[in-house]
């Protein structure tokens, strides 16, 4: 079959790498893709939000299956657009409709869903300019630190964790006044949960589900988890504390009730569900839902899926996931992100990348790259993921760090302490 992956990051490159291994694949296309994806498929210069352009690309290239990487086109209703078009509605599609995508598109929608279906999460209050005083009163009932989340999509930057009550009140007003644009016209205030986080992924056809490898990512730019939040500086799978006992709780209390809740609420849903979890004394609680695979977790997780990934995607799209099985590689896999100088603030772009041909014992997944003439150049804050297998976390990380040493671009930075807390 001909498959189209929508997106341009490391997640999409890792998916393309895995899909390329399937005997079910005929031709692979990526829209818009990056320099790395161009070596394993055909890049199509179409934006993820250009629905008409994507329609043309799908028809021109006789696409049989679409896999959506990022959340934005899902929240904008790409699946709805395809399913309501007579020329497109029979094409297999992996990714939720707009209503289901609200699990990520609106923090308030997600929290209401969790409360309704008794899924463990932090207590919260949704605040707009109309109930600002209630929001301030709610802050006063909480202990520091205070968590403020923009309700809408804010490219991973709409969460503030503040230690001072007065500063939290001031930040709440700033957010409601447009600090994150329309995304923070509503703000969710949450109780702070203390514990260790992990990312759990499931793929579902709306009735059944399969659980993918669990990962842990590292958000802060600085070593020891210091400095500003990023899109993710690296990931490790499996996660030692997410053992059989913990994962049984996750499935019984969170994954199964989520899928059953979607059925009960008559929310059609197929595709990936990312459960951002925190272990509070061994008890899992949901911090957030995402409606797609995580990045950089995908660049580690894909290494551990041994079975045919395309077969799973078909099951999710056709509603036949109950017939599908997944085989997981027992080895550890890690991804180490190489980022641009200045990131996550204003960063350098267009810098020539050298040394990629010297990387032999790791996978290199491109996140923010482009081709200029004969050169591969930086084209984003997060540039490359160096992903490796190992029998242990230490062994896999050593391999990624060794291979990162071959790569160079001006201003390049990566964290050398991943896994320090495991």
Protein backbone atom coordinates (compact mmCIF):
# COMPACT_ATOMS: atom_id res chain seq x y z
CA UNK A 1 0.00 0.00 0.00
CA UNK A 2 0.98 3.64 -0.45
CA UNK A 3 1.31 5.43 2.90
CA UNK A 4 1.43 9.15 3.70
CA UNK A 5 2.88 10.40 6.99
CA UNK A 6 1.87 13.98 7.82
CA UNK A 7 4.49 15.99 9.74
CA UNK A 8 8.09 17.14 9.59
CA UNK A 9 9.83 16.22 12.86
CA UNK A 10 11.84 13.50 14.53
CA UNK A 11 8.66 11.62 15.41
CA UNK A 12 7.69 11.43 11.73
CA UNK A 13 11.20 10.35 10.67
CA UNK A 14 11.17 7.57 13.28
CA UNK A 15 7.72 6.42 12.12
CA UNK A 16 8.90 6.49 8.51
CA UNK A 17 11.95 4.38 9.45
CA UNK A 18 9.69 1.79 11.10
CA UNK A 19 7.03 1.81 8.36
CA UNK A 20 9.77 1.34 5.73
CA UNK A 21 10.50 -2.08 7.25
CA UNK A 22 6.98 -3.41 6.53
CA UNK A 23 6.38 -5.86 3.66
CA UNK A 24 2.92 -4.26 3.36
CA UNK A 25 4.46 -0.97 2.14
CA UNK A 26 4.64 -0.08 -1.52
CA UNK A 27 5.51 3.63 -1.59
CA UNK A 28 6.11 6.00 1.35
CA UNK A 29 5.40 9.73 1.27
CA UNK A 30 5.96 12.37 3.96
CA UNK A 31 4.33 15.83 3.97
CA UNK A 32 6.28 18.02 4.33
CA UNK A 33 9.04 15.83 5.84
CA UNK A 34 12.64 16.92 6.39
CA UNK A 35 16.14 16.17 5.08
CA UNK A 36 16.20 12.80 6.85
CA UNK A 37 12.85 11.54 5.59
CA UNK A 38 13.88 12.31 2.00
CA UNK A 39 16.31 9.35 2.16
CA UNK A 40 13.60 6.78 2.95
CA UNK A 41 10.52 8.17 1.22
CA UNK A 42 9.28 10.98 -1.01
CA UNK A 43 8.81 14.39 0.63
CA UNK A 44 5.77 16.37 -0.55
CA UNK A 45 5.97 20.13 -0.03
CA UNK A 46 2.55 20.52 1.58
CA UNK A 47 1.90 22.13 4.96
CA UNK A 48 0.22 20.00 7.65
CA UNK A 49 -2.65 22.53 7.79
CA UNK A 50 -3.18 22.83 4.00
CA UNK A 51 -6.17 20.51 3.77
CA UNK A 52 -6.79 21.09 0.05
CA UNK A 53 -3.09 20.56 -0.69
CA UNK A 54 -3.11 17.32 1.30
CA UNK A 55 -6.21 16.16 -0.57
CA UNK A 56 -4.47 16.78 -3.89
CA UNK A 57 -1.34 14.96 -2.69
CA UNK A 58 -3.39 11.96 -1.52
CA UNK A 59 -5.27 11.67 -4.82
CA UNK A 60 -2.19 12.31 -7.01
CA UNK A 61 -0.15 9.64 -5.23
CA UNK A 62 -2.97 7.10 -4.76
CA UNK A 63 -2.52 7.01 -0.99
CA UNK A 64 -4.16 4.07 0.85
CA UNK A 65 -3.28 4.96 4.46
CA UNK A 66 -2.65 8.28 6.23
CA UNK A 67 -0.83 8.61 9.55
CA UNK A 68 -0.91 12.02 11.25
CA UNK A 69 2.12 12.88 13.37
CA UNK A 70 1.44 16.30 15.00
CA UNK A 71 -1.60 17.46 16.96
CA UNK A 72 -2.38 20.70 15.11
CA UNK A 73 -4.06 19.26 11.96
CA UNK A 74 -6.05 16.82 14.14
CA UNK A 75 -7.32 19.65 16.35
CA UNK A 76 -8.13 21.62 13.20
CA UNK A 77 -10.30 18.75 11.94
CA UNK A 78 -8.25 17.02 9.22
CA UNK A 79 -9.90 13.63 9.87
CA UNK A 80 -13.36 15.24 9.66
CA UNK A 81 -12.36 16.89 6.36
CA UNK A 82 -11.33 13.54 4.89
CA UNK A 83 -14.32 11.55 6.19
CA UNK A 84 -16.81 14.09 4.79
CA UNK A 85 -15.25 14.14 1.30
CA UNK A 86 -16.58 11.56 -1.18
CA UNK A 87 -13.17 11.19 -2.85
CA UNK A 88 -11.31 10.69 0.44
CA UNK A 89 -13.68 9.01 2.90
CA UNK A 90 -12.60 5.43 2.12
CA UNK A 91 -8.88 6.11 2.64
CA UNK A 92 -7.60 4.57 5.88
CA UNK A 93 -6.84 7.31 8.42
CA UNK A 94 -4.93 7.05 11.73
CA UNK A 95 -5.72 10.00 14.00
CA UNK A 96 -8.84 11.16 15.88
CA UNK A 97 -11.62 13.43 14.64
CA UNK A 98 -11.73 17.02 15.89
CA UNK A 99 -13.96 16.18 18.88
CA UNK A 100 -11.61 13.45 20.15
CA UNK A 101 -8.60 15.69 19.50
CA UNK A 102 -10.03 18.05 22.14
CA UNK A 103 -8.42 15.72 24.69
CA UNK A 104 -5.24 17.58 23.77
CA UNK A 105 -6.73 20.73 22.24
CA UNK A 106 -8.47 21.79 25.47
CA UNK A 107 -7.11 21.14 28.95
CA UNK A 108 -10.56 21.89 30.41
CA UNK A 109 -12.23 19.34 28.07
CA UNK A 110 -9.64 16.73 29.13
CA UNK A 111 -10.05 17.42 32.86
CA UNK A 112 -13.86 17.27 32.63
CA UNK A 113 -13.52 13.94 30.77
CA UNK A 114 -11.23 12.54 33.48
CA UNK A 115 -13.52 13.67 36.29
CA UNK A 116 -16.58 12.24 34.53
CA UNK A 117 -14.94 8.83 34.10
CA UNK A 118 -13.16 8.73 37.48
CA UNK A 119 -9.66 8.76 35.99
CA UNK A 120 -7.10 9.81 38.64
CA UNK A 121 -5.80 13.35 38.09
CA UNK A 122 -4.98 16.52 40.03
CA UNK A 123 -7.84 18.71 41.32
CA UNK A 124 -8.33 21.78 39.15
CA UNK A 125 -10.36 24.85 38.25
CA UNK A 126 -10.90 26.31 34.77
CA UNK A 127 -10.70 30.12 34.83
CA UNK A 128 -11.66 32.83 32.34
CA UNK A 129 -11.73 36.59 32.80
CA UNK A 130 -15.35 36.09 33.93
CA UNK A 131 -14.42 34.08 37.06
CA UNK A 132 -10.95 35.48 37.78
CA UNK A 133 -11.75 36.05 41.47
CA UNK A 134 -12.76 32.40 41.85
CA UNK A 135 -9.44 31.47 40.31
CA UNK A 136 -7.51 33.59 42.81
CA UNK A 137 -9.54 32.07 45.66
CA UNK A 138 -8.75 28.57 44.35
CA UNK A 139 -5.01 29.37 44.20
CA UNK A 140 -5.18 30.31 47.90
CA UNK A 141 -6.50 26.82 48.76
CA UNK A 142 -3.44 25.17 47.17
CA UNK A 143 0.09 24.66 48.43
CA UNK A 144 3.02 25.94 46.36
CA UNK A 145 4.12 25.38 43.68
CA UNK A 146 1.16 26.54 41.59
CA UNK A 147 0.46 25.07 38.15
CA UNK A 148 -1.12 27.26 35.44
CA UNK A 149 -1.93 25.76 32.03
CA UNK A 150 -3.18 27.54 28.92
CA UNK A 151 -6.36 25.70 27.91
CA UNK A 152 -5.53 25.57 24.19
CA UNK A 153 -2.53 24.49 22.13
CA UNK A 154 0.55 26.58 22.92
CA UNK A 155 3.28 24.50 21.24
CA UNK A 156 4.29 22.93 24.56
CA UNK A 157 5.03 26.28 26.15
CA UNK A 158 1.72 27.11 27.85
CA UNK A 159 2.47 25.62 31.29
CA UNK A 160 3.82 27.70 34.16
CA UNK A 161 4.95 26.28 37.52
CA UNK A 162 5.31 29.08 40.07
CA UNK A 163 6.46 28.99 43.69
CA UNK A 164 5.11 32.35 44.90
CA UNK A 165 1.36 32.94 45.38
CA UNK A 166 1.43 36.61 44.37
CA UNK A 167 3.45 35.78 41.27
CA UNK A 168 0.94 33.03 40.42
CA UNK A 169 -1.95 35.51 40.70
CA UNK A 170 -0.11 38.00 38.46
CA UNK A 171 0.74 35.26 35.94
CA UNK A 172 -2.88 34.13 35.85
CA UNK A 173 -3.92 37.67 34.87
CA UNK A 174 -1.13 37.88 32.26
CA UNK A 175 -2.21 34.59 30.69
CA UNK A 176 -5.87 35.63 30.54
CA UNK A 177 -4.72 38.90 28.95
CA UNK A 178 -3.15 37.05 26.03
CA UNK A 179 0.32 35.93 27.11
CA UNK A 180 -0.14 32.78 24.99
CA UNK A 181 -2.63 34.31 22.56
CA UNK A 182 -6.06 32.71 22.24
CA UNK A 183 -4.69 29.52 23.85
CA UNK A 184 -4.76 31.20 27.29
CA UNK A 185 -8.13 32.95 27.06
CA UNK A 186 -9.02 30.13 29.45
CA UNK A 187 -6.52 28.87 32.05
CA UNK A 188 -6.62 25.63 34.01
CA UNK A 189 -5.21 25.95 37.55
CA UNK A 190 -4.04 22.61 38.90
CA UNK A 191 -2.88 21.17 42.17
CA UNK A 192 0.84 20.35 41.90
CA UNK A 193 1.62 16.63 41.93
CA UNK A 194 4.99 15.44 43.19
CA UNK A 195 6.56 12.30 41.75
CA UNK A 196 8.32 10.84 38.72
CA UNK A 197 6.82 11.23 35.27
CA UNK A 198 6.57 8.83 32.36
CA UNK A 199 4.89 8.66 28.96
CA UNK A 200 2.54 5.77 28.23
CA UNK A 201 1.32 5.25 24.66
CA UNK A 202 -1.61 3.26 23.34
CA UNK A 203 -3.01 2.80 19.87
CA UNK A 204 -6.78 2.30 19.61
CA UNK A 205 -9.46 1.71 17.01
CA UNK A 206 -12.07 3.18 19.38
CA UNK A 207 -13.00 -0.21 20.87
CA UNK A 208 -9.79 -2.12 21.49
CA UNK A 209 -6.27 -0.94 22.20
CA UNK A 210 -2.66 -2.10 22.28
CA UNK A 211 -0.11 -0.63 24.69
CA UNK A 212 3.19 0.50 23.16
CA UNK A 213 6.53 0.73 25.03
CA UNK A 214 6.60 3.16 27.98
CA UNK A 215 9.15 5.99 27.85
CA UNK A 216 10.46 8.85 29.95
CA UNK A 217 11.45 12.14 28.38
CA UNK A 218 13.51 15.04 29.70
CA UNK A 219 11.97 18.47 29.17
CA UNK A 220 14.42 20.91 30.76
CA UNK A 221 17.26 22.38 28.72
CA UNK A 222 19.80 22.13 31.55
CA UNK A 223 21.43 19.17 33.23
CA UNK A 224 19.87 18.04 36.50
CA UNK A 225 16.50 19.12 35.05
CA UNK A 226 17.25 22.84 35.32
CA UNK A 227 16.47 25.80 33.08
CA UNK A 228 13.66 26.37 30.62
CA UNK A 229 11.22 23.78 29.33
CA UNK A 230 11.84 22.47 25.82
CA UNK A 231 9.97 20.17 23.48
CA UNK A 232 12.14 17.37 24.92
CA UNK A 233 15.90 16.81 25.21
CA UNK A 234 15.84 13.02 25.04
CA UNK A 235 13.97 9.87 25.99
CA UNK A 236 14.55 6.45 27.50
CA UNK A 237 12.52 3.22 27.23
CA UNK A 238 11.70 1.06 29.17
CA UNK A 239 11.24 2.97 32.43
CA UNK A 240 12.45 0.98 35.47
CA UNK A 241 9.69 2.11 37.86
CA UNK A 242 6.94 1.36 35.30
CA UNK A 243 7.04 -2.32 36.19
CA UNK A 244 4.30 -4.93 35.78
CA UNK A 245 2.51 -3.86 38.99
CA UNK A 246 2.53 -0.17 38.04
CA UNK A 247 1.41 -0.86 34.46
CA UNK A 248 -1.47 -3.05 35.67
CA UNK A 249 -2.71 -0.04 37.66
CA UNK A 250 -2.23 2.19 34.60
CA UNK A 251 -4.26 -0.12 32.39
CA UNK A 252 -7.03 -0.77 34.93
CA UNK A 253 -7.42 2.81 36.20
CA UNK A 254 -6.45 4.92 33.20
CA UNK A 255 -6.15 3.30 29.76
CA UNK A 256 -9.24 1.07 29.82
CA UNK A 257 -11.48 3.73 31.48
CA UNK A 258 -10.30 6.27 28.88
CA UNK A 259 -11.25 4.08 25.91
CA UNK A 260 -14.52 3.07 27.58
CA UNK A 261 -15.19 6.74 28.40
CA UNK A 262 -14.80 7.68 24.73
CA UNK A 263 -17.34 4.98 23.81
CA UNK A 264 -19.74 6.11 26.57
CA UNK A 265 -19.48 9.76 25.50
CA UNK A 266 -19.97 8.75 21.84
CA UNK A 267 -16.65 10.31 20.84
CA UNK A 268 -15.35 8.45 17.75
CA UNK A 269 -11.62 7.92 18.21
CA UNK A 270 -8.92 6.04 16.41
CA UNK A 271 -5.19 6.56 16.52
CA UNK A 272 -2.72 7.17 19.33
CA UNK A 273 -3.37 8.26 22.90
CA UNK A 274 -0.42 9.60 24.87
CA UNK A 275 -0.93 9.44 28.63
CA UNK A 276 1.39 11.89 30.39
CA UNK A 277 1.56 10.21 33.81
CA UNK A 278 3.14 10.85 37.17
CA UNK A 279 3.83 8.16 39.75
CA UNK A 280 2.90 9.53 43.18
CA UNK A 281 4.25 6.92 45.60
CA UNK A 282 3.62 4.18 43.05
CA UNK A 283 0.09 5.38 42.23
CA UNK A 284 -0.32 6.59 38.62
CA UNK A 285 -2.14 9.87 37.93
CA UNK A 286 -2.77 11.64 34.61
CA UNK A 287 -1.08 14.99 34.04
CA UNK A 288 -2.29 15.33 30.45
CA UNK A 289 -3.52 13.56 27.35
CA UNK A 290 -2.01 14.00 23.91
CA UNK A 291 -3.70 12.67 20.79
CA UNK A 292 -0.50 11.62 19.00
CA UNK A 293 2.84 10.01 19.73
CA UNK A 294 5.29 12.04 21.79
CA UNK A 295 8.48 13.59 20.51
CA UNK A 296 11.30 12.68 21.35
CA UNK A 297 9.80 9.51 22.87
CA UNK A 298 8.87 8.13 19.42
CA UNK A 299 12.54 8.20 18.42
CA UNK A 300 13.19 5.65 21.20
CA UNK A 301 9.86 3.77 21.24
CA UNK A 302 9.94 2.86 17.52
CA UNK A 303 13.21 0.96 18.09
CA UNK A 304 11.43 -1.38 20.50
CA UNK A 305 8.46 -2.34 18.29
CA UNK A 306 9.52 -5.66 16.72
CA UNK A 307 6.24 -6.56 15.00
CA UNK A 308 4.88 -4.97 11.82
CA UNK A 309 3.92 -1.40 12.70
CA UNK A 310 1.88 -1.00 9.50
CA UNK A 311 -0.29 -3.97 10.51
CA UNK A 312 -1.09 -2.15 13.79
CA UNK A 313 -1.90 1.07 11.91
CA UNK A 314 -4.27 -0.79 9.60
CA UNK A 315 -5.99 -2.34 12.63
CA UNK A 316 -6.48 1.10 14.20
CA UNK A 317 -7.87 2.54 10.97
CA UNK A 318 -10.11 -0.39 10.03
CA UNK A 319 -11.43 -1.20 13.51
CA UNK A 320 -9.72 -4.62 13.59
CA UNK A 321 -7.18 -4.01 16.37
CA UNK A 322 -8.59 -6.95 18.38
CA UNK A 323 -7.03 -9.24 15.74
CA UNK A 324 -3.59 -7.59 15.95
CA UNK A 325 -0.70 -8.32 18.27
CA UNK A 326 2.40 -6.34 19.15
CA UNK A 327 5.85 -7.73 19.89
CA UNK A 328 8.22 -5.61 22.00
CA UNK A 329 12.03 -5.77 21.90
CA UNK A 330 13.27 -6.34 25.48
CA UNK A 331 16.36 -4.16 24.97
CA UNK A 332 16.68 -0.57 26.16
CA UNK A 333 16.44 2.22 23.59
CA UNK A 334 17.35 5.87 24.08
CA UNK A 335 17.18 9.07 22.06
CA UNK A 336 19.52 12.00 22.70
CA UNK A 337 18.46 15.31 21.13
CA UNK A 338 21.04 17.59 19.55
CA UNK A 339 19.69 21.15 19.63
CA UNK A 340 20.55 24.54 18.17
CA UNK A 341 22.48 27.18 20.10
CA UNK A 342 20.06 29.44 22.00
CA UNK A 343 17.20 26.93 22.06
CA UNK A 344 14.52 27.06 23.55
CA UNK A 345 14.91 30.83 23.14
CA UNK A 346 15.80 32.46 19.80
CA UNK A 347 18.16 30.03 18.09
CA UNK A 348 20.58 29.83 15.18
CA UNK A 349 19.34 28.32 11.88
CA UNK A 350 20.86 27.36 8.56
CA UNK A 351 24.04 25.91 10.10
CA UNK A 352 25.74 23.16 8.08
CA UNK A 353 25.71 19.74 9.79
CA UNK A 354 28.81 17.57 9.36
CA UNK A 355 29.85 14.08 10.47
CA UNK A 356 26.54 12.28 9.91
CA UNK A 357 28.23 9.69 7.70
CA UNK A 358 30.48 8.68 10.62
CA UNK A 359 27.51 7.53 12.75
CA UNK A 360 27.44 3.74 12.31
CA UNK A 361 26.07 2.22 15.53
CA UNK A 362 23.11 4.54 16.24
CA UNK A 363 20.08 5.70 14.27
CA UNK A 364 19.99 9.39 13.36
CA UNK A 365 16.44 10.76 13.22
CA UNK A 366 16.14 14.25 11.76
CA UNK A 367 13.90 16.66 13.69
CA UNK A 368 14.70 20.12 12.32
CA UNK A 369 16.78 19.80 9.15
CA UNK A 370 16.66 20.90 5.53
CA UNK A 371 18.77 20.37 2.41
CA UNK A 372 20.57 23.32 0.85
CA UNK A 373 22.49 22.33 -2.24
CA UNK A 374 24.59 19.37 -1.21
CA UNK A 375 24.49 20.24 2.49
CA UNK A 376 22.17 19.19 5.29
CA UNK A 377 21.51 22.25 7.48
CA UNK A 378 19.77 23.01 10.77
CA UNK A 379 16.17 24.17 10.39
CA UNK A 380 14.75 24.08 13.92
CA UNK A 381 15.49 24.27 17.62
CA UNK A 382 15.68 20.51 18.01
CA UNK A 383 17.81 19.26 15.13
CA UNK A 384 18.67 15.55 15.42
CA UNK A 385 17.89 12.58 17.66
CA UNK A 386 20.72 10.08 18.08
CA UNK A 387 18.93 6.83 18.99
CA UNK A 388 20.58 3.63 20.20
CA UNK A 389 19.93 0.17 21.59
CA UNK A 390 21.63 -1.23 24.69
CA UNK A 391 21.28 -4.02 27.18
CA UNK A 392 21.11 -1.32 29.88
CA UNK A 393 20.27 2.40 29.98
CA UNK A 394 23.94 3.20 30.59
CA UNK A 395 25.09 1.14 27.60
CA UNK A 396 22.51 2.67 25.22
CA UNK A 397 23.31 6.21 26.36
CA UNK A 398 27.06 5.67 26.00
CA UNK A 399 26.49 4.62 22.40
CA UNK A 400 24.34 7.68 21.63
CA UNK A 401 26.85 10.03 23.29
CA UNK A 402 29.73 8.41 21.40
CA UNK A 403 27.93 8.88 18.07
CA UNK A 404 26.84 12.42 18.97
CA UNK A 405 30.57 13.15 19.20
CA UNK A 406 30.94 12.58 15.45
CA UNK A 407 28.27 15.17 14.57
CA UNK A 408 28.93 18.89 14.46
CA UNK A 409 27.08 22.10 13.71
CA UNK A 410 27.71 25.59 15.05
CA UNK A 411 26.16 26.06 18.51
CA UNK A 412 25.26 22.37 18.94
CA UNK A 413 24.21 21.35 22.47
CA UNK A 414 22.92 18.19 24.13
CA UNK A 415 22.33 17.00 27.66
CA UNK A 416 24.90 14.56 28.96
CA UNK A 417 22.97 13.47 32.06
CA UNK A 418 19.90 11.70 30.66
CA UNK A 419 18.74 8.89 32.93
CA UNK A 420 20.33 10.51 36.00
CA UNK A 421 17.09 9.99 37.95
CA UNK A 422 16.61 6.34 36.93
